[in-house]
Amino acid sequence: MPLPPPSAPRTLTHTRRIRFAGYRRTDGLWDLEAHLQDVKPQDYLLSSGTRPAGMPVHDMWIRLTVDRRYNVLAACASTDAMPYEGICDVITADYAKVVGLNLMHGFRKALKERFSGVRGCSHLTELLAHFPTVALQTFAGEVRDNEDRGHKPFQLDRCHALDTHGEGVRRYYPKWHKAARTGTE
């Protein structure tokens, strides 16, 4: 079981599903896609009207086409369900503004500059913030993760399990292992 049982009885009131997928294209590029869906198990009263139980409140998609260097070559977004029809969905075309960005160099900062507050949709922007790690996972199978390519593997020092001073790196990436921290570092 992933979590311990809850400490009190409870009732489901909301489900958010987020799915990311990465695809290798036949032209040598990659498509990264995200889908977000919010659903209530009961009728949901909104300012714009009542959303029947089980009908999505949000149903949103984003696709980025990237090259092997993580450059965004194309972007599109779609909003199929939203609380404010004809208002929420008019912003989707603006998400083409990520074309030309690089997922590994300043991408999240650029998202804030382009889409924070009323300049974007909080849900679409939130999804986009995950695309750098989605790209890393998508490309992960292309090269063995500890293959010696002359530079430190990208994943080292980005997580406690892969601290270059720790046991994981000592065991699986010995070339990049460093002596234990002394406590003054």
N, C-alpha and C. Protein backbone atom coordinates (compact mmCIF):
# COMPACT_ATOMS: atom_id res chain seq x y z
N MET A 1 0.85 -1.18 0.00
CA MET A 1 0.00 0.00 0.00
C MET A 1 0.90 1.25 0.00
N PRO A 2 0.63 2.18 -0.89
CA PRO A 2 1.50 3.36 -0.99
C PRO A 2 1.38 4.32 0.19
N LEU A 3 0.21 4.43 0.80
CA LEU A 3 0.01 5.31 1.95
C LEU A 3 -0.67 4.51 3.06
N PRO A 4 -0.46 4.92 4.30
CA PRO A 4 -1.20 4.24 5.37
C PRO A 4 -2.69 4.56 5.25
N PRO A 5 -3.52 3.72 5.83
CA PRO A 5 -4.97 4.00 5.78
C PRO A 5 -5.26 5.36 6.42
N PRO A 6 -6.29 6.05 5.94
CA PRO A 6 -6.65 7.33 6.55
C PRO A 6 -7.06 7.15 8.00
N SER A 7 -6.88 8.18 8.79
CA SER A 7 -7.17 8.09 10.22
C SER A 7 -8.63 8.38 10.54
N ALA A 8 -9.44 8.75 9.53
CA ALA A 8 -10.87 9.01 9.75
C ALA A 8 -11.62 8.67 8.46
N PRO A 9 -12.90 8.34 8.57
CA PRO A 9 -13.70 8.10 7.37
C PRO A 9 -13.72 9.36 6.50
N ARG A 10 -13.86 9.17 5.19
CA ARG A 10 -13.84 10.32 4.31
C ARG A 10 -14.68 10.08 3.06
N THR A 11 -14.97 11.16 2.35
CA THR A 11 -15.78 11.13 1.14
C THR A 11 -15.02 11.83 0.03
N LEU A 12 -14.91 11.17 -1.11
CA LEU A 12 -14.24 11.77 -2.26
C LEU A 12 -15.02 12.99 -2.75
N THR A 13 -14.34 14.12 -2.94
CA THR A 13 -15.00 15.33 -3.44
C THR A 13 -14.38 15.86 -4.73
N HIS A 14 -13.22 15.35 -5.10
CA HIS A 14 -12.55 15.87 -6.30
C HIS A 14 -11.50 14.88 -6.78
N THR A 15 -11.37 14.75 -8.10
CA THR A 15 -10.29 13.96 -8.69
C THR A 15 -9.63 14.77 -9.79
N ARG A 16 -8.33 14.93 -9.69
CA ARG A 16 -7.55 15.54 -10.76
C ARG A 16 -6.66 14.46 -11.33
N ARG A 17 -6.75 14.27 -12.63
CA ARG A 17 -5.87 13.34 -13.33
C ARG A 17 -4.95 14.14 -14.22
N ILE A 18 -3.67 13.85 -14.10
CA ILE A 18 -2.68 14.47 -14.96
C ILE A 18 -1.88 13.34 -15.60
N ARG A 19 -1.75 13.40 -16.90
CA ARG A 19 -1.01 12.37 -17.63
C ARG A 19 -0.02 13.06 -18.56
N PHE A 20 1.19 12.57 -18.54
CA PHE A 20 2.22 13.03 -19.46
C PHE A 20 2.66 11.86 -20.31
N ALA A 21 2.98 12.11 -21.55
CA ALA A 21 3.48 11.06 -22.44
C ALA A 21 4.51 11.66 -23.38
N GLY A 22 5.51 10.86 -23.71
CA GLY A 22 6.54 11.28 -24.65
C GLY A 22 6.57 10.32 -25.83
N TYR A 23 6.69 10.87 -27.03
CA TYR A 23 6.66 10.07 -28.25
C TYR A 23 7.86 10.40 -29.13
N ARG A 24 8.51 9.37 -29.64
CA ARG A 24 9.55 9.53 -30.66
C ARG A 24 8.84 9.56 -32.01
N ARG A 25 9.11 10.58 -32.79
CA ARG A 25 8.48 10.72 -34.10
C ARG A 25 9.39 10.13 -35.18
N THR A 26 8.82 9.80 -36.32
CA THR A 26 9.61 9.22 -37.41
C THR A 26 10.53 10.24 -38.07
N ASP A 27 10.30 11.54 -37.83
CA ASP A 27 11.15 12.57 -38.43
C ASP A 27 12.33 12.96 -37.54
N GLY A 28 12.55 12.21 -36.44
CA GLY A 28 13.68 12.48 -35.56
C GLY A 28 13.37 13.46 -34.43
N LEU A 29 12.18 14.00 -34.41
CA LEU A 29 11.77 14.91 -33.34
C LEU A 29 10.96 14.13 -32.30
N TRP A 30 10.53 14.84 -31.27
CA TRP A 30 9.81 14.23 -30.16
C TRP A 30 8.57 15.06 -29.85
N ASP A 31 7.48 14.40 -29.55
CA ASP A 31 6.28 15.08 -29.05
C ASP A 31 6.13 14.74 -27.58
N LEU A 32 5.93 15.77 -26.78
CA LEU A 32 5.67 15.63 -25.36
C LEU A 32 4.25 16.15 -25.14
N GLU A 33 3.42 15.35 -24.49
CA GLU A 33 2.02 15.74 -24.31
C GLU A 33 1.62 15.66 -22.85
N ALA A 34 0.72 16.56 -22.49
CA ALA A 34 0.15 16.57 -21.15
C ALA A 34 -1.36 16.68 -21.27
N HIS A 35 -2.05 16.04 -20.33
CA HIS A 35 -3.52 16.10 -20.28
C HIS A 35 -3.91 16.26 -18.81
N LEU A 36 -4.72 17.25 -18.53
CA LEU A 36 -5.22 17.50 -17.17
C LEU A 36 -6.73 17.43 -17.21
N GLN A 37 -7.30 16.71 -16.24
CA GLN A 37 -8.75 16.61 -16.15
C GLN A 37 -9.16 16.67 -14.68
N ASP A 38 -10.07 17.58 -14.37
CA ASP A 38 -10.67 17.70 -13.04
C ASP A 38 -12.12 17.26 -13.12
N VAL A 39 -12.52 16.37 -12.20
CA VAL A 39 -13.89 15.84 -12.18
C VAL A 39 -14.38 15.81 -10.74
N LYS A 40 -15.64 16.17 -10.57
CA LYS A 40 -16.30 16.10 -9.26
C LYS A 40 -17.29 14.93 -9.29
N PRO A 41 -17.38 14.15 -8.19
CA PRO A 41 -18.33 13.04 -8.15
C PRO A 41 -19.76 13.49 -7.82
N GLN A 42 -19.93 14.76 -7.57
CA GLN A 42 -21.25 15.31 -7.28
C GLN A 42 -21.47 16.53 -8.19
N ASP A 43 -22.73 16.94 -8.36
CA ASP A 43 -23.00 18.15 -9.11
C ASP A 43 -22.19 19.28 -8.49
N TYR A 44 -21.64 20.14 -9.35
CA TYR A 44 -20.74 21.20 -8.90
C TYR A 44 -21.29 22.54 -9.36
N LEU A 45 -21.64 23.39 -8.39
CA LEU A 45 -22.21 24.69 -8.69
C LEU A 45 -21.10 25.69 -8.96
N LEU A 46 -21.07 26.22 -10.16
CA LEU A 46 -20.11 27.24 -10.57
C LEU A 46 -20.86 28.54 -10.83
N SER A 47 -20.18 29.64 -10.87
CA SER A 47 -20.81 30.91 -11.23
C SER A 47 -21.44 30.84 -12.62
N SER A 48 -20.84 30.03 -13.49
CA SER A 48 -21.32 29.91 -14.87
C SER A 48 -22.41 28.86 -15.03
N GLY A 49 -22.76 28.16 -13.98
CA GLY A 49 -23.79 27.13 -14.06
C GLY A 49 -23.38 25.87 -13.31
N THR A 50 -24.24 24.90 -13.28
CA THR A 50 -23.97 23.66 -12.57
C THR A 50 -23.31 22.66 -13.51
N ARG A 51 -22.20 22.10 -13.06
CA ARG A 51 -21.53 21.02 -13.81
C ARG A 51 -22.03 19.71 -13.23
N PRO A 52 -22.68 18.87 -14.03
CA PRO A 52 -23.18 17.59 -13.51
C PRO A 52 -22.06 16.69 -13.00
N ALA A 53 -22.36 15.89 -12.01
CA ALA A 53 -21.39 14.92 -11.46
C ALA A 53 -20.79 14.10 -12.58
N GLY A 54 -19.48 13.92 -12.53
CA GLY A 54 -18.78 13.10 -13.51
C GLY A 54 -18.37 13.83 -14.78
N MET A 55 -18.88 15.02 -15.01
CA MET A 55 -18.50 15.81 -16.18
C MET A 55 -17.27 16.64 -15.83
N PRO A 56 -16.25 16.65 -16.69
CA PRO A 56 -15.04 17.40 -16.35
C PRO A 56 -15.30 18.89 -16.16
N VAL A 57 -14.69 19.44 -15.14
CA VAL A 57 -14.66 20.88 -14.92
C VAL A 57 -13.54 21.47 -15.78
N HIS A 58 -12.43 20.77 -15.82
CA HIS A 58 -11.30 21.11 -16.68
C HIS A 58 -10.94 19.88 -17.50
N ASP A 59 -10.66 20.09 -18.76
CA ASP A 59 -10.14 19.03 -19.64
C ASP A 59 -9.22 19.73 -20.62
N MET A 60 -7.92 19.67 -20.36
CA MET A 60 -6.94 20.50 -21.07
C MET A 60 -5.77 19.66 -21.56
N TRP A 61 -5.24 20.07 -22.69
CA TRP A 61 -4.15 19.36 -23.35
C TRP A 61 -3.07 20.33 -23.78
N ILE A 62 -1.83 19.86 -23.77
CA ILE A 62 -0.70 20.62 -24.35
C ILE A 62 0.21 19.63 -25.05
N ARG A 63 0.71 20.02 -26.21
CA ARG A 63 1.74 19.24 -26.91
C ARG A 63 2.88 20.18 -27.29
N LEU A 64 4.10 19.74 -26.97
CA LEU A 64 5.31 20.42 -27.44
C LEU A 64 6.06 19.46 -28.35
N THR A 65 6.57 19.98 -29.44
CA THR A 65 7.47 19.21 -30.30
C THR A 65 8.86 19.76 -30.05
N VAL A 66 9.79 18.86 -29.71
CA VAL A 66 11.14 19.27 -29.36
C VAL A 66 12.17 18.46 -30.14
N ASP A 67 13.37 19.03 -30.23
CA ASP A 67 14.47 18.29 -30.82
C ASP A 67 15.30 17.66 -29.71
N ARG A 68 16.35 16.95 -30.08
CA ARG A 68 17.18 16.21 -29.10
C ARG A 68 17.93 17.15 -28.15
N ARG A 69 18.03 18.41 -28.50
CA ARG A 69 18.70 19.40 -27.63
C ARG A 69 17.70 20.13 -26.73
N TYR A 70 16.46 19.64 -26.70
CA TYR A 70 15.40 20.17 -25.86
C TYR A 70 14.86 21.53 -26.31
N ASN A 71 15.09 21.89 -27.56
CA ASN A 71 14.53 23.13 -28.11
C ASN A 71 13.07 22.90 -28.49
N VAL A 72 12.21 23.83 -28.12
CA VAL A 72 10.79 23.73 -28.45
C VAL A 72 10.60 24.27 -29.87
N LEU A 73 10.14 23.39 -30.77
CA LEU A 73 9.97 23.74 -32.17
C LEU A 73 8.51 24.05 -32.52
N ALA A 74 7.58 23.47 -31.78
CA ALA A 74 6.15 23.71 -32.01
C ALA A 74 5.42 23.50 -30.69
N ALA A 75 4.30 24.19 -30.55
CA ALA A 75 3.49 24.06 -29.32
C ALA A 75 2.03 24.31 -29.66
N CYS A 76 1.18 23.52 -29.04
CA CYS A 76 -0.25 23.78 -29.17
C CYS A 76 -0.94 23.36 -27.88
N ALA A 77 -2.05 24.03 -27.60
CA ALA A 77 -2.84 23.73 -26.41
C ALA A 77 -4.30 23.68 -26.81
N SER A 78 -5.07 22.94 -26.02
CA SER A 78 -6.49 22.80 -26.27
C SER A 78 -7.22 22.72 -24.94
N THR A 79 -8.34 23.39 -24.85
CA THR A 79 -9.18 23.34 -23.66
C THR A 79 -10.56 22.86 -24.09
N ASP A 80 -10.88 21.63 -23.72
CA ASP A 80 -12.15 21.03 -24.12
C ASP A 80 -13.26 21.23 -23.09
N ALA A 81 -12.91 21.32 -21.81
CA ALA A 81 -13.89 21.62 -20.76
C ALA A 81 -13.27 22.66 -19.85
N MET A 82 -14.10 23.62 -19.42
CA MET A 82 -13.62 24.73 -18.61
C MET A 82 -14.79 25.33 -17.84
N PRO A 83 -14.51 26.04 -16.77
CA PRO A 83 -15.61 26.63 -16.02
C PRO A 83 -16.27 27.81 -16.75
N TYR A 84 -15.49 28.54 -17.57
CA TYR A 84 -16.00 29.76 -18.20
C TYR A 84 -15.81 29.66 -19.71
N GLU A 85 -16.75 28.96 -20.34
CA GLU A 85 -16.67 28.70 -21.77
C GLU A 85 -16.63 30.00 -22.56
N GLY A 86 -15.76 30.03 -23.56
CA GLY A 86 -15.61 31.22 -24.38
C GLY A 86 -14.69 32.26 -23.74
N ILE A 87 -14.25 31.99 -22.53
CA ILE A 87 -13.32 32.91 -21.84
C ILE A 87 -12.03 32.18 -21.53
N CYS A 88 -12.13 31.05 -20.82
CA CYS A 88 -10.93 30.27 -20.47
C CYS A 88 -10.16 29.85 -21.72
N ASP A 89 -10.87 29.40 -22.73
CA ASP A 89 -10.23 28.79 -23.88
C ASP A 89 -9.59 29.78 -24.86
N VAL A 90 -9.85 31.07 -24.73
CA VAL A 90 -9.28 32.01 -25.70
C VAL A 90 -7.77 32.20 -25.50
N ILE A 91 -7.23 31.77 -24.38
CA ILE A 91 -5.80 31.94 -24.09
C ILE A 91 -4.93 30.83 -24.69
N THR A 92 -5.55 29.73 -25.12
CA THR A 92 -4.75 28.57 -25.53
C THR A 92 -3.77 28.89 -26.65
N ALA A 93 -4.15 29.71 -27.60
CA ALA A 93 -3.23 30.04 -28.70
C ALA A 93 -1.98 30.75 -28.22
N ASP A 94 -2.05 31.46 -27.09
CA ASP A 94 -0.88 32.16 -26.56
C ASP A 94 0.24 31.22 -26.15
N TYR A 95 -0.09 29.96 -25.92
CA TYR A 95 0.93 29.01 -25.48
C TYR A 95 1.91 28.64 -26.59
N ALA A 96 1.68 29.12 -27.80
CA ALA A 96 2.67 28.99 -28.87
C ALA A 96 3.90 29.86 -28.56
N LYS A 97 3.78 30.75 -27.58
CA LYS A 97 4.91 31.61 -27.21
C LYS A 97 6.07 30.85 -26.59
N VAL A 98 5.90 29.56 -26.33
CA VAL A 98 7.03 28.77 -25.80
C VAL A 98 7.93 28.27 -26.93
N VAL A 99 7.49 28.40 -28.18
CA VAL A 99 8.33 28.01 -29.31
C VAL A 99 9.60 28.86 -29.28
N GLY A 100 10.73 28.21 -29.44
CA GLY A 100 12.02 28.89 -29.39
C GLY A 100 12.72 28.76 -28.05
N LEU A 101 11.97 28.37 -27.01
CA LEU A 101 12.59 28.17 -25.70
C LEU A 101 13.29 26.82 -25.65
N ASN A 102 14.18 26.69 -24.69
CA ASN A 102 14.85 25.42 -24.44
C ASN A 102 14.38 24.90 -23.09
N LEU A 103 13.95 23.65 -23.05
CA LEU A 103 13.40 23.09 -21.82
C LEU A 103 14.40 23.03 -20.67
N MET A 104 15.69 23.00 -20.97
CA MET A 104 16.70 22.85 -19.92
C MET A 104 17.38 24.16 -19.53
N HIS A 105 17.10 25.23 -20.23
CA HIS A 105 17.78 26.50 -19.97
C HIS A 105 16.77 27.63 -19.81
N GLY A 106 16.37 27.88 -18.58
CA GLY A 106 15.50 29.01 -18.27
C GLY A 106 14.04 28.83 -18.63
N PHE A 107 13.62 27.61 -18.88
CA PHE A 107 12.24 27.37 -19.32
C PHE A 107 11.22 27.82 -18.28
N ARG A 108 11.38 27.39 -17.05
CA ARG A 108 10.39 27.73 -16.01
C ARG A 108 10.36 29.23 -15.73
N LYS A 109 11.50 29.87 -15.79
CA LYS A 109 11.54 31.33 -15.61
C LYS A 109 10.80 32.02 -16.76
N ALA A 110 11.01 31.53 -17.97
CA ALA A 110 10.32 32.10 -19.13
C ALA A 110 8.81 31.90 -19.02
N LEU A 111 8.37 30.77 -18.46
CA LEU A 111 6.94 30.55 -18.27
C LEU A 111 6.35 31.62 -17.37
N LYS A 112 7.04 31.92 -16.28
CA LYS A 112 6.56 32.95 -15.35
C LYS A 112 6.48 34.30 -16.04
N GLU A 113 7.50 34.62 -16.83
CA GLU A 113 7.52 35.90 -17.52
C GLU A 113 6.38 36.02 -18.53
N ARG A 114 6.07 34.93 -19.21
CA ARG A 114 5.06 34.97 -20.27
C ARG A 114 3.63 34.75 -19.78
N PHE A 115 3.46 33.91 -18.74
CA PHE A 115 2.12 33.44 -18.42
C PHE A 115 1.68 33.62 -16.97
N SER A 116 2.44 34.29 -16.13
CA SER A 116 2.00 34.42 -14.74
C SER A 116 0.78 35.33 -14.63
N GLY A 117 0.02 35.10 -13.59
CA GLY A 117 -1.17 35.93 -13.34
C GLY A 117 -2.16 35.86 -14.48
N VAL A 118 -2.66 37.02 -14.88
CA VAL A 118 -3.71 37.08 -15.89
C VAL A 118 -3.19 36.92 -17.32
N ARG A 119 -1.88 36.74 -17.49
CA ARG A 119 -1.32 36.56 -18.84
C ARG A 119 -1.45 35.12 -19.34
N GLY A 120 -1.97 34.23 -18.49
CA GLY A 120 -2.09 32.84 -18.91
C GLY A 120 -3.16 32.11 -18.12
N CYS A 121 -3.23 30.84 -18.37
CA CYS A 121 -4.13 29.94 -17.64
C CYS A 121 -3.30 29.21 -16.59
N SER A 122 -3.70 29.28 -15.35
CA SER A 122 -2.90 28.67 -14.29
C SER A 122 -2.73 27.17 -14.52
N HIS A 123 -3.74 26.50 -15.05
CA HIS A 123 -3.66 25.06 -15.25
C HIS A 123 -2.69 24.70 -16.37
N LEU A 124 -2.77 25.38 -17.50
CA LEU A 124 -1.87 25.09 -18.61
C LEU A 124 -0.43 25.43 -18.24
N THR A 125 -0.24 26.53 -17.56
CA THR A 125 1.11 26.93 -17.15
C THR A 125 1.69 25.92 -16.16
N GLU A 126 0.86 25.46 -15.24
CA GLU A 126 1.29 24.45 -14.28
C GLU A 126 1.73 23.17 -15.00
N LEU A 127 0.98 22.75 -15.99
CA LEU A 127 1.36 21.57 -16.76
C LEU A 127 2.70 21.77 -17.45
N LEU A 128 2.86 22.92 -18.08
CA LEU A 128 4.11 23.19 -18.82
C LEU A 128 5.34 23.14 -17.92
N ALA A 129 5.19 23.53 -16.67
CA ALA A 129 6.33 23.54 -15.76
C ALA A 129 6.94 22.15 -15.58
N HIS A 130 6.18 21.10 -15.87
CA HIS A 130 6.67 19.73 -15.73
C HIS A 130 7.39 19.21 -16.98
N PHE A 131 7.31 19.93 -18.07
CA PHE A 131 7.85 19.42 -19.32
C PHE A 131 9.36 19.19 -19.32
N PRO A 132 10.18 19.96 -18.62
CA PRO A 132 11.61 19.62 -18.60
C PRO A 132 11.87 18.21 -18.07
N THR A 133 11.24 17.83 -16.97
CA THR A 133 11.48 16.49 -16.44
C THR A 133 10.79 15.42 -17.29
N VAL A 134 9.68 15.75 -17.92
CA VAL A 134 9.05 14.81 -18.84
C VAL A 134 10.00 14.54 -20.01
N ALA A 135 10.65 15.58 -20.52
CA ALA A 135 11.60 15.40 -21.61
C ALA A 135 12.77 14.52 -21.17
N LEU A 136 13.29 14.76 -19.99
CA LEU A 136 14.40 13.95 -19.48
C LEU A 136 14.00 12.47 -19.40
N GLN A 137 12.82 12.21 -18.88
CA GLN A 137 12.36 10.84 -18.78
C GLN A 137 12.10 10.23 -20.16
N THR A 138 11.59 11.03 -21.07
CA THR A 138 11.33 10.55 -22.43
C THR A 138 12.63 10.15 -23.13
N PHE A 139 13.66 10.95 -22.94
CA PHE A 139 14.95 10.69 -23.59
C PHE A 139 15.81 9.70 -22.81
N ALA A 140 15.41 9.36 -21.58
CA ALA A 140 16.25 8.55 -20.69
C ALA A 140 16.63 7.21 -21.29
N GLY A 141 15.78 6.59 -22.04
CA GLY A 141 16.10 5.29 -22.60
C GLY A 141 17.01 5.32 -23.82
N GLU A 142 17.34 6.49 -24.29
CA GLU A 142 18.15 6.62 -25.49
C GLU A 142 19.63 6.33 -25.24
N VAL A 143 20.10 6.61 -24.04
CA VAL A 143 21.49 6.39 -23.66
C VAL A 143 21.49 5.80 -22.26
N ARG A 144 22.32 4.82 -22.01
CA ARG A 144 22.38 4.24 -20.67
C ARG A 144 22.73 5.34 -19.67
N ASP A 145 22.04 5.35 -18.54
CA ASP A 145 22.15 6.48 -17.61
C ASP A 145 23.53 6.65 -16.99
N ASN A 146 24.35 5.60 -16.96
CA ASN A 146 25.69 5.78 -16.39
C ASN A 146 26.78 5.58 -17.45
N GLU A 147 26.41 5.69 -18.71
CA GLU A 147 27.39 5.61 -19.79
C GLU A 147 28.37 6.77 -19.67
N ASP A 148 29.64 6.48 -19.81
CA ASP A 148 30.66 7.53 -19.68
C ASP A 148 30.71 8.34 -20.97
N ARG A 149 30.20 9.56 -20.90
CA ARG A 149 30.23 10.46 -22.05
C ARG A 149 31.16 11.64 -21.78
N GLY A 150 31.98 11.52 -20.75
CA GLY A 150 32.97 12.57 -20.48
C GLY A 150 32.48 13.70 -19.61
N HIS A 151 31.20 13.75 -19.30
CA HIS A 151 30.68 14.79 -18.41
C HIS A 151 29.73 14.14 -17.41
N LYS A 152 29.58 14.82 -16.29
CA LYS A 152 28.75 14.28 -15.21
C LYS A 152 27.32 14.07 -15.71
N PRO A 153 26.73 12.89 -15.46
CA PRO A 153 25.35 12.66 -15.86
C PRO A 153 24.41 13.71 -15.25
N PHE A 154 23.45 14.15 -16.06
CA PHE A 154 22.55 15.24 -15.66
C PHE A 154 21.83 14.98 -14.35
N GLN A 155 21.53 13.75 -14.03
CA GLN A 155 20.69 13.45 -12.88
C GLN A 155 21.43 13.53 -11.54
N LEU A 156 22.76 13.55 -11.58
CA LEU A 156 23.52 13.59 -10.32
C LEU A 156 23.37 14.96 -9.67
N ASP A 157 23.26 14.94 -8.34
CA ASP A 157 23.09 16.13 -7.49
C ASP A 157 21.76 16.86 -7.73
N ARG A 158 20.76 16.15 -8.23
CA ARG A 158 19.42 16.73 -8.41
C ARG A 158 18.40 16.07 -7.48
N CYS A 159 18.88 15.11 -6.68
CA CYS A 159 17.98 14.33 -5.82
C CYS A 159 18.84 13.73 -4.70
N HIS A 160 18.28 13.55 -3.52
CA HIS A 160 19.05 13.02 -2.39
C HIS A 160 19.64 11.65 -2.70
N ALA A 161 18.94 10.83 -3.50
CA ALA A 161 19.45 9.49 -3.81
C ALA A 161 20.68 9.54 -4.71
N LEU A 162 20.84 10.63 -5.45
CA LEU A 162 21.96 10.74 -6.38
C LEU A 162 22.89 11.90 -6.00
N ASP A 163 23.05 12.10 -4.70
CA ASP A 163 24.02 13.06 -4.16
C ASP A 163 25.42 12.49 -4.46
N THR A 164 26.27 13.27 -5.10
CA THR A 164 27.60 12.77 -5.46
C THR A 164 28.44 12.42 -4.24
N HIS A 165 28.00 12.81 -3.05
CA HIS A 165 28.68 12.43 -1.82
C HIS A 165 28.06 11.18 -1.18
N GLY A 166 27.03 10.63 -1.81
CA GLY A 166 26.25 9.58 -1.17
C GLY A 166 26.47 8.17 -1.71
N GLU A 167 25.75 7.25 -1.08
CA GLU A 167 25.88 5.83 -1.37
C GLU A 167 25.40 5.47 -2.78
N GLY A 168 24.33 6.08 -3.25
CA GLY A 168 23.81 5.77 -4.58
C GLY A 168 24.84 6.05 -5.67
N VAL A 169 25.50 7.17 -5.58
CA VAL A 169 26.51 7.52 -6.58
C VAL A 169 27.75 6.65 -6.38
N ARG A 170 28.13 6.38 -5.14
CA ARG A 170 29.28 5.51 -4.90
C ARG A 170 29.06 4.14 -5.55
N ARG A 171 27.83 3.65 -5.45
CA ARG A 171 27.53 2.32 -5.96
C ARG A 171 27.31 2.28 -7.47
N TYR A 172 26.58 3.24 -8.01
CA TYR A 172 26.17 3.15 -9.42
C TYR A 172 26.90 4.09 -10.37
N TYR A 173 27.55 5.11 -9.84
CA TYR A 173 28.30 6.07 -10.66
C TYR A 173 29.65 6.35 -9.99
N PRO A 174 30.46 5.33 -9.75
CA PRO A 174 31.66 5.49 -8.94
C PRO A 174 32.62 6.57 -9.45
N LYS A 175 32.69 6.77 -10.74
CA LYS A 175 33.58 7.79 -11.30
C LYS A 175 33.24 9.18 -10.76
N TRP A 176 31.98 9.43 -10.43
CA TRP A 176 31.53 10.75 -10.03
C TRP A 176 31.36 10.89 -8.52
N HIS A 177 31.68 9.83 -7.77
CA HIS A 177 31.53 9.88 -6.32
C HIS A 177 32.59 10.78 -5.69
N LYS A 178 32.18 11.52 -4.68
CA LYS A 178 33.07 12.40 -3.91
C LYS A 178 33.08 11.94 -2.46
N ALA A 179 34.09 12.32 -1.75
CA ALA A 179 34.18 11.97 -0.32
C ALA A 179 32.97 12.50 0.43
N ALA A 180 32.64 11.85 1.54
CA ALA A 180 31.50 12.28 2.35
C ALA A 180 31.67 13.72 2.81
N ARG A 181 30.57 14.41 2.94
CA ARG A 181 30.60 15.80 3.42
C ARG A 181 31.10 15.80 4.87
N THR A 182 31.79 16.86 5.24
CA THR A 182 32.36 16.93 6.59
C THR A 182 31.43 17.61 7.58
N GLY A 183 30.36 18.19 7.17
CA GLY A 183 29.47 18.91 8.07
C GLY A 183 29.73 20.40 8.04
N THR A 184 30.86 20.82 7.49
CA THR A 184 31.15 22.25 7.38
C THR A 184 30.82 22.75 5.97
N GLU A 185 30.36 21.85 5.14
CA GLU A 185 30.01 22.25 3.76
C GLU A 185 28.59 22.71 3.67
